[in-house]
Amino acid sequence: LGKFKEFIGHSCSIKEKKSNSSCILSFRNKYFINSLKSLGINNCKSLTLEFPDIKEELIPHFIRGYFNGDGCIHIRKQVKKYPLLVSILGTPMFLKKMREYLPTVNKLYKNKGSEKTLIYQTSGKKAEELLSYLYKDATIFLERKRNLFIAVLNRNI
């Protein structure tokens, strides 16, 4: 959030919510809101976002950005060789379209928390291939997720 705040040049503060270990950056800007709306992004993007029609070379960057918001990296301590488990939450339509572009195709699972969303999940070597695809040539990313992936690749975890 700090990088985003710096990028947009805003002076608003980042608020921490201790109740659920999250942070919020909140501001109002009509130009910003209208720009996002013109790109098809709204308040409930996880439930309504459609996979965009964009240039193929931008797809890994788009998926990485989506993954930063609605994806997770888990380290399975009981698995020694390939401990990664990667999950991405989304609507069935969005995730099915996303899978067409990924280097590995895995199942979509029911999301116990919502009837409107599914979870794309991959593990082991396939999870490493997926994250390698997402982070190849990346200059903008969520550092904690990328650093976790790098640590796993270097077998430091």
Foldseek 3Di string as FASTA:
>chain_A
DVVVCVVVVHDFDWDADPVVGDIDGDDDDVVVQVVCVVVVDDDPCQQDPADDDDDLVCLLVVVQVQCQPFKDWDAQPVDQQWRTKIKGKHFPRRVVVNQVNFPDHDDWAPDPVDNGMTMGMDTGPSVLSRVCSNPVVDPDHDVVVVVVSVCVVVSVD
